[in-house]
Amino acid sequence: MTSPIPPAAPTRFDLMLVLIGLSLLTGGVVGVLSTIPIYLSSGASSLAASVVVYEGLVRNPPTE
């Protein structure tokens, strides 16, 4: 039986989720607080988030 408590160190996938969230949040904040249009900043941040997804699912797929 596995423990419901996660291990002490975050996994690679935990870090990927954090990076995706931070990327999208940063794009939204930059779009709202600057003169850059929100569609441009959110598009750039979603491109950065998709790079993280590509890295995690295509280049280094899960093995478990």
PDB file of N, CA and C in Angstrom:
ATOM      1  N   MET A   1       0.843  -1.185   0.000  1.00  0.00           N
ATOM      2  CA  MET A   1       0.000   0.000   0.000  1.00  0.00           C
ATOM      3  C   MET A   1       0.884   1.243   0.000  1.00  0.00           C
ATOM      4  N   THR A   2       0.554   2.164  -0.853  1.00  0.00           N
ATOM      5  CA  THR A   2       1.347   3.394  -0.924  1.00  0.00           C
ATOM      6  C   THR A   2       0.797   4.430   0.044  1.00  0.00           C
ATOM      7  N   SER A   3       1.658   5.300   0.441  1.00  0.00           N
ATOM      8  CA  SER A   3       1.282   6.338   1.390  1.00  0.00           C
ATOM      9  C   SER A   3       0.613   7.502   0.654  1.00  0.00           C
ATOM     10  N   PRO A   4      -0.460   8.063   1.221  1.00  0.00           N
ATOM     11  CA  PRO A   4      -1.100   9.222   0.582  1.00  0.00           C
ATOM     12  C   PRO A   4      -0.294  10.506   0.751  1.00  0.00           C
ATOM     13  N   ILE A   5       0.717  10.463   1.599  1.00  0.00           N
ATOM     14  CA  ILE A   5       1.561  11.637   1.825  1.00  0.00           C
ATOM     15  C   ILE A   5       2.636  11.664   0.737  1.00  0.00           C
ATOM     16  N   PRO A   6       2.764  12.786   0.019  1.00  0.00           N
ATOM     17  CA  PRO A   6       3.774  12.847  -1.045  1.00  0.00           C
ATOM     18  C   PRO A   6       5.187  12.844  -0.470  1.00  0.00           C
ATOM     19  N   PRO A   7       6.156  12.443  -1.277  1.00  0.00           N
ATOM     20  CA  PRO A   7       7.545  12.477  -0.802  1.00  0.00           C
ATOM     21  C   PRO A   7       7.986  13.918  -0.536  1.00  0.00           C
ATOM     22  N   ALA A   8       9.069  14.040   0.189  1.00  0.00           N
ATOM     23  CA  ALA A   8       9.533  15.366   0.608  1.00  0.00           C
ATOM     24  C   ALA A   8       9.940  16.237  -0.575  1.00  0.00           C
ATOM     25  N   ALA A   9      10.589  15.675  -1.562  1.00  0.00           N
ATOM     26  CA  ALA A   9      11.066  16.465  -2.699  1.00  0.00           C
ATOM     27  C   ALA A   9      10.030  16.456  -3.821  1.00  0.00           C
ATOM     28  N   PRO A  10       9.812  17.595  -4.466  1.00  0.00           N
ATOM     29  CA  PRO A  10       8.874  17.610  -5.592  1.00  0.00           C
ATOM     30  C   PRO A  10       9.442  16.832  -6.779  1.00  0.00           C
ATOM     31  N   THR A  11       8.548  16.231  -7.526  1.00  0.00           N
ATOM     32  CA  THR A  11       8.984  15.476  -8.699  1.00  0.00           C
ATOM     33  C   THR A  11       9.155  16.423  -9.884  1.00  0.00           C
ATOM     34  N   ARG A  12       9.636  15.879 -10.965  1.00  0.00           N
ATOM     35  CA  ARG A  12       9.819  16.665 -12.192  1.00  0.00           C
ATOM     36  C   ARG A  12       8.478  17.180 -12.702  1.00  0.00           C
ATOM     37  N   PHE A  13       7.433  16.380 -12.532  1.00  0.00           N
ATOM     38  CA  PHE A  13       6.118  16.780 -13.012  1.00  0.00           C
ATOM     39  C   PHE A  13       5.508  17.874 -12.138  1.00  0.00           C
ATOM     40  N   ASP A  14       5.810  17.856 -10.844  1.00  0.00           N
ATOM     41  CA  ASP A  14       5.383  18.950  -9.982  1.00  0.00           C
ATOM     42  C   ASP A  14       6.023  20.264 -10.424  1.00  0.00           C
ATOM     43  N   LEU A  15       7.297  20.207 -10.740  1.00  0.00           N
ATOM     44  CA  LEU A  15       8.000  21.405 -11.192  1.00  0.00           C
ATOM     45  C   LEU A  15       7.464  21.890 -12.545  1.00  0.00           C
ATOM     46  N   MET A  16       7.100  20.952 -13.401  1.00  0.00           N
ATOM     47  CA  MET A  16       6.511  21.338 -14.691  1.00  0.00           C
ATOM     48  C   MET A  16       5.193  22.073 -14.488  1.00  0.00           C
ATOM     49  N   LEU A  17       4.350  21.574 -13.582  1.00  0.00           N
ATOM     50  CA  LEU A  17       3.080  22.238 -13.319  1.00  0.00           C
ATOM     51  C   LEU A  17       3.280  23.639 -12.756  1.00  0.00           C
ATOM     52  N   VAL A  18       4.272  23.799 -11.903  1.00  0.00           N
ATOM     53  CA  VAL A  18       4.578  25.124 -11.359  1.00  0.00           C
ATOM     54  C   VAL A  18       5.043  26.057 -12.466  1.00  0.00           C
ATOM     55  N   LEU A  19       5.913  25.575 -13.344  1.00  0.00           N
ATOM     56  CA  LEU A  19       6.411  26.409 -14.446  1.00  0.00           C
ATOM     57  C   LEU A  19       5.292  26.814 -15.404  1.00  0.00           C
ATOM     58  N   ILE A  20       4.386  25.899 -15.686  1.00  0.00           N
ATOM     59  CA  ILE A  20       3.270  26.219 -16.582  1.00  0.00           C
ATOM     60  C   ILE A  20       2.389  27.291 -15.949  1.00  0.00           C
ATOM     61  N   GLY A  21       2.066  27.115 -14.687  1.00  0.00           N
ATOM     62  CA  GLY A  21       1.233  28.103 -13.996  1.00  0.00           C
ATOM     63  C   GLY A  21       1.892  29.462 -13.890  1.00  0.00           C
ATOM     64  N   LEU A  22       3.168  29.475 -13.546  1.00  0.00           N
ATOM     65  CA  LEU A  22       3.881  30.753 -13.446  1.00  0.00           C
ATOM     66  C   LEU A  22       3.984  31.455 -14.792  1.00  0.00           C
ATOM     67  N   SER A  23       4.188  30.691 -15.832  1.00  0.00           N
ATOM     68  CA  SER A  23       4.278  31.281 -17.166  1.00  0.00           C
ATOM     69  C   SER A  23       2.961  31.953 -17.552  1.00  0.00           C
ATOM     70  N   LEU A  24       1.863  31.245 -17.353  1.00  0.00           N
ATOM     71  CA  LEU A  24       0.566  31.817 -17.729  1.00  0.00           C
ATOM     72  C   LEU A  24       0.183  32.999 -16.839  1.00  0.00           C
ATOM     73  N   LEU A  25       0.478  32.890 -15.558  1.00  0.00           N
ATOM     74  CA  LEU A  25       0.184  33.992 -14.640  1.00  0.00           C
ATOM     75  C   LEU A  25       1.018  35.226 -14.984  1.00  0.00           C
ATOM     76  N   THR A  26       2.286  35.022 -15.295  1.00  0.00           N
ATOM     77  CA  THR A  26       3.151  36.141 -15.653  1.00  0.00           C
ATOM     78  C   THR A  26       2.663  36.836 -16.917  1.00  0.00           C
ATOM     79  N   GLY A  27       2.242  36.062 -17.910  1.00  0.00           N
ATOM     80  CA  GLY A  27       1.723  36.658 -19.135  1.00  0.00           C
ATOM     81  C   GLY A  27       0.484  37.496 -18.892  1.00  0.00           C
ATOM     82  N   GLY A  28      -0.404  37.008 -18.049  1.00  0.00           N
ATOM     83  CA  GLY A  28      -1.607  37.773 -17.732  1.00  0.00           C
ATOM     84  C   GLY A  28      -1.302  39.046 -16.970  1.00  0.00           C
ATOM     85  N   VAL A  29      -0.406  38.958 -16.005  1.00  0.00           N
ATOM     86  CA  VAL A  29      -0.041  40.139 -15.211  1.00  0.00           C
ATOM     87  C   VAL A  29       0.663  41.177 -16.073  1.00  0.00           C
ATOM     88  N   VAL A  30       1.553  40.733 -16.938  1.00  0.00           N
ATOM     89  CA  VAL A  30       2.252  41.665 -17.824  1.00  0.00           C
ATOM     90  C   VAL A  30       1.259  42.341 -18.760  1.00  0.00           C
ATOM     91  N   GLY A  31       0.303  41.589 -19.263  1.00  0.00           N
ATOM     92  CA  GLY A  31      -0.694  42.175 -20.161  1.00  0.00           C
ATOM     93  C   GLY A  31      -1.585  43.193 -19.479  1.00  0.00           C
ATOM     94  N   VAL A  32      -1.890  42.958 -18.217  1.00  0.00           N
ATOM     95  CA  VAL A  32      -2.761  43.884 -17.490  1.00  0.00           C
ATOM     96  C   VAL A  32      -2.003  45.120 -17.024  1.00  0.00           C
ATOM     97  N   LEU A  33      -0.784  44.951 -16.574  1.00  0.00           N
ATOM     98  CA  LEU A  33      -0.053  46.055 -15.954  1.00  0.00           C
ATOM     99  C   LEU A  33       0.827  46.858 -16.902  1.00  0.00           C
ATOM    100  N   SER A  34       0.951  46.451 -18.152  1.00  0.00           N
ATOM    101  CA  SER A  34       1.814  47.185 -19.069  1.00  0.00           C
ATOM    102  C   SER A  34       1.020  47.626 -20.296  1.00  0.00           C
ATOM    103  N   THR A  35       1.724  48.246 -21.212  1.00  0.00           N
ATOM    104  CA  THR A  35       1.072  48.696 -22.441  1.00  0.00           C
ATOM    105  C   THR A  35       1.022  47.609 -23.507  1.00  0.00           C
ATOM    106  N   ILE A  36       1.628  46.463 -23.209  1.00  0.00           N
ATOM    107  CA  ILE A  36       1.581  45.332 -24.137  1.00  0.00           C
ATOM    108  C   ILE A  36       0.157  44.786 -24.142  1.00  0.00           C
ATOM    109  N   PRO A  37      -0.434  44.563 -25.300  1.00  0.00           N
ATOM    110  CA  PRO A  37      -1.792  44.010 -25.334  1.00  0.00           C
ATOM    111  C   PRO A  37      -1.855  42.640 -24.666  1.00  0.00           C
ATOM    112  N   ILE A  38      -2.957  42.389 -23.988  1.00  0.00           N
ATOM    113  CA  ILE A  38      -3.070  41.149 -23.227  1.00  0.00           C
ATOM    114  C   ILE A  38      -3.052  39.933 -24.145  1.00  0.00           C
ATOM    115  N   TYR A  39      -3.573  40.070 -25.362  1.00  0.00           N
ATOM    116  CA  TYR A  39      -3.559  38.920 -26.262  1.00  0.00           C
ATOM    117  C   TYR A  39      -2.132  38.576 -26.689  1.00  0.00           C
ATOM    118  N   LEU A  40      -1.264  39.567 -26.766  1.00  0.00           N
ATOM    119  CA  LEU A  40       0.121  39.317 -27.136  1.00  0.00           C
ATOM    120  C   LEU A  40       0.910  38.701 -25.983  1.00  0.00           C
ATOM    121  N   SER A  41       0.733  39.248 -24.792  1.00  0.00           N
ATOM    122  CA  SER A  41       1.471  38.709 -23.645  1.00  0.00           C
ATOM    123  C   SER A  41       0.968  37.325 -23.245  1.00  0.00           C
ATOM    124  N   SER A  42      -0.336  37.106 -23.327  1.00  0.00           N
ATOM    125  CA  SER A  42      -0.839  35.777 -22.983  1.00  0.00           C
ATOM    126  C   SER A  42      -0.473  34.763 -24.063  1.00  0.00           C
ATOM    127  N   GLY A  43      -0.381  35.190 -25.302  1.00  0.00           N
ATOM    128  CA  GLY A  43       0.062  34.292 -26.362  1.00  0.00           C
ATOM    129  C   GLY A  43       1.505  33.884 -26.190  1.00  0.00           C
ATOM    130  N   ALA A  44       2.348  34.835 -25.825  1.00  0.00           N
ATOM    131  CA  ALA A  44       3.757  34.518 -25.599  1.00  0.00           C
ATOM    132  C   ALA A  44       3.926  33.610 -24.383  1.00  0.00           C
ATOM    133  N   SER A  45       3.142  33.851 -23.352  1.00  0.00           N
ATOM    134  CA  SER A  45       3.266  33.000 -22.167  1.00  0.00           C
ATOM    135  C   SER A  45       2.725  31.597 -22.425  1.00  0.00           C
ATOM    136  N   SER A  46       1.702  31.481 -23.251  1.00  0.00           N
ATOM    137  CA  SER A  46       1.212  30.145 -23.571  1.00  0.00           C
ATOM    138  C   SER A  46       2.198  29.391 -24.459  1.00  0.00           C
ATOM    139  N   LEU A  47       2.941  30.104 -25.266  1.00  0.00           N
ATOM    140  CA  LEU A  47       4.000  29.474 -26.048  1.00  0.00           C
ATOM    141  C   LEU A  47       5.093  28.929 -25.128  1.00  0.00           C
ATOM    142  N   ALA A  48       5.449  29.714 -24.121  1.00  0.00           N
ATOM    143  CA  ALA A  48       6.446  29.246 -23.153  1.00  0.00           C
ATOM    144  C   ALA A  48       5.923  28.040 -22.371  1.00  0.00           C
ATOM    145  N   ALA A  49       4.646  28.056 -22.016  1.00  0.00           N
ATOM    146  CA  ALA A  49       4.061  26.922 -21.295  1.00  0.00           C
ATOM    147  C   ALA A  49       4.014  25.685 -22.181  1.00  0.00           C
ATOM    148  N   SER A  50       3.767  25.879 -23.466  1.00  0.00           N
ATOM    149  CA  SER A  50       3.719  24.720 -24.356  1.00  0.00           C
ATOM    150  C   SER A  50       5.104  24.116 -24.558  1.00  0.00           C
ATOM    151  N   VAL A  51       6.145  24.914 -24.430  1.00  0.00           N
ATOM    152  CA  VAL A  51       7.512  24.379 -24.486  1.00  0.00           C
ATOM    153  C   VAL A  51       7.751  23.454 -23.298  1.00  0.00           C
ATOM    154  N   VAL A  52       7.250  23.828 -22.130  1.00  0.00           N
ATOM    155  CA  VAL A  52       7.394  22.982 -20.944  1.00  0.00           C
ATOM    156  C   VAL A  52       6.621  21.675 -21.139  1.00  0.00           C
ATOM    157  N   VAL A  53       5.428  21.751 -21.691  1.00  0.00           N
ATOM    158  CA  VAL A  53       4.634  20.546 -21.946  1.00  0.00           C
ATOM    159  C   VAL A  53       5.336  19.658 -22.967  1.00  0.00           C
ATOM    160  N   TYR A  54       5.866  20.244 -24.012  1.00  0.00           N
ATOM    161  CA  TYR A  54       6.595  19.480 -25.027  1.00  0.00           C
ATOM    162  C   TYR A  54       7.793  18.770 -24.412  1.00  0.00           C
ATOM    163  N   GLU A  55       8.523  19.479 -23.581  1.00  0.00           N
ATOM    164  CA  GLU A  55       9.694  18.893 -22.930  1.00  0.00           C
ATOM    165  C   GLU A  55       9.292  17.710 -22.050  1.00  0.00           C
ATOM    166  N   GLY A  56       8.199  17.855 -21.337  1.00  0.00           N
ATOM    167  CA  GLY A  56       7.798  16.817 -20.399  1.00  0.00           C
ATOM    168  C   GLY A  56       7.098  15.634 -21.020  1.00  0.00           C
ATOM    169  N   LEU A  57       6.455  15.823 -22.163  1.00  0.00           N
ATOM    170  CA  LEU A  57       5.676  14.728 -22.743  1.00  0.00           C
ATOM    171  C   LEU A  57       6.271  14.128 -23.994  1.00  0.00           C
ATOM    172  N   VAL A  58       7.054  14.884 -24.742  1.00  0.00           N
ATOM    173  CA  VAL A  58       7.593  14.383 -26.005  1.00  0.00           C
ATOM    174  C   VAL A  58       9.077  14.054 -25.879  1.00  0.00           C
ATOM    175  N   ARG A  59       9.858  14.988 -25.402  1.00  0.00           N
ATOM    176  CA  ARG A  59      11.302  14.751 -25.318  1.00  0.00           C
ATOM    177  C   ARG A  59      11.670  13.813 -24.179  1.00  0.00           C
ATOM    178  N   ASN A  60      11.021  13.960 -23.037  1.00  0.00           N
ATOM    179  CA  ASN A  60      11.290  13.106 -21.875  1.00  0.00           C
ATOM    180  C   ASN A  60       9.965  12.559 -21.337  1.00  0.00           C
ATOM    181  N   PRO A  61       9.384  11.587 -22.027  1.00  0.00           N
ATOM    182  CA  PRO A  61       8.064  11.092 -21.615  1.00  0.00           C
ATOM    183  C   PRO A  61       8.135  10.365 -20.274  1.00  0.00           C
ATOM    184  N   PRO A  62       6.990  10.290 -19.590  1.00  0.00           N
ATOM    185  CA  PRO A  62       6.971   9.551 -18.326  1.00  0.00           C
ATOM    186  C   PRO A  62       7.238   8.075 -18.577  1.00  0.00           C
ATOM    187  N   THR A  63       7.933   7.454 -17.656  1.00  0.00           N
ATOM    188  CA  THR A  63       8.277   6.051 -17.814  1.00  0.00           C
ATOM    189  C   THR A  63       7.451   5.142 -16.905  1.00  0.00           C
ATOM    190  N   GLU A  64       6.732   5.691 -15.976  1.00  0.00           N
ATOM    191  CA  GLU A  64       5.940   4.868 -15.043  1.00  0.00           C
ATOM    192  C   GLU A  64       4.556   4.661 -15.554  1.00  0.00           C
TER     193      GLU A  64
END
